[in-house]
Amino acid sequence: MERKGIFKFAGNDVTIVGSDVQVSQTAPEFTAQAQDWSIFKAFENTKGKVRIIGSLPSLSTSVCDRETRRFNQEAADLSDNIVIIAVSMDVPFTLKNWCAAAGIDRVITLSDHLTGEFGEKYGVLIKEHRIFRRAIFVVDTSDQVVYAAYMPVLGDEPIYAEVIAAAKKALK
């Protein structure tokens, strides 16, 4: 499915591939590449955990950098039963190098550059530029979406307090 007229990039309408994920639906399983180029199955590899999943255009942008650093800090105060996953189209060695330089050790960074599977399943893939629009999801231990927010502008950050609150509530 391709949609136009719902998102602008640099002031121009772009095509979004996939449908938006809705609260209360079963979250679509997806595979992406980890920093070591291995295949990571998001829900299989984090079974029994609450997941905060962020869709990022690129870690090399200031907003993605800030968002990932913030979630890494927040993770220190969260239960070990909550995992944070950041997915972008950055290639695995870029993820690895950026995380090493930024000291990111609590956020799982994944690359969807090969297939765009996550991008399509979560309705975040910008077809013309092959990057993601920013979005954030919280998925509970039974793989149900309990929080979903699509940022209206690429440079907008998620409301961190809402995301963290939704993840903590999903643990109960």
Foldseek 3Di string as FASTA:
>chain_A
DWDWDQADDPRHIFIWAADADDFFDQQDWDWFAFLVRDIDTVCVNLAQAKEKEKFAQDCPDPLVVVQQLVVLVVQVVDDPRYAYEYEKQDDSPRVVVSCVVSVRDRYTYGHPNPPCRVRNSNRFAGVVVRIGAIKIWIAANVRGTRDIDGDRYSNDDDPVVVSVVSRVVSVD
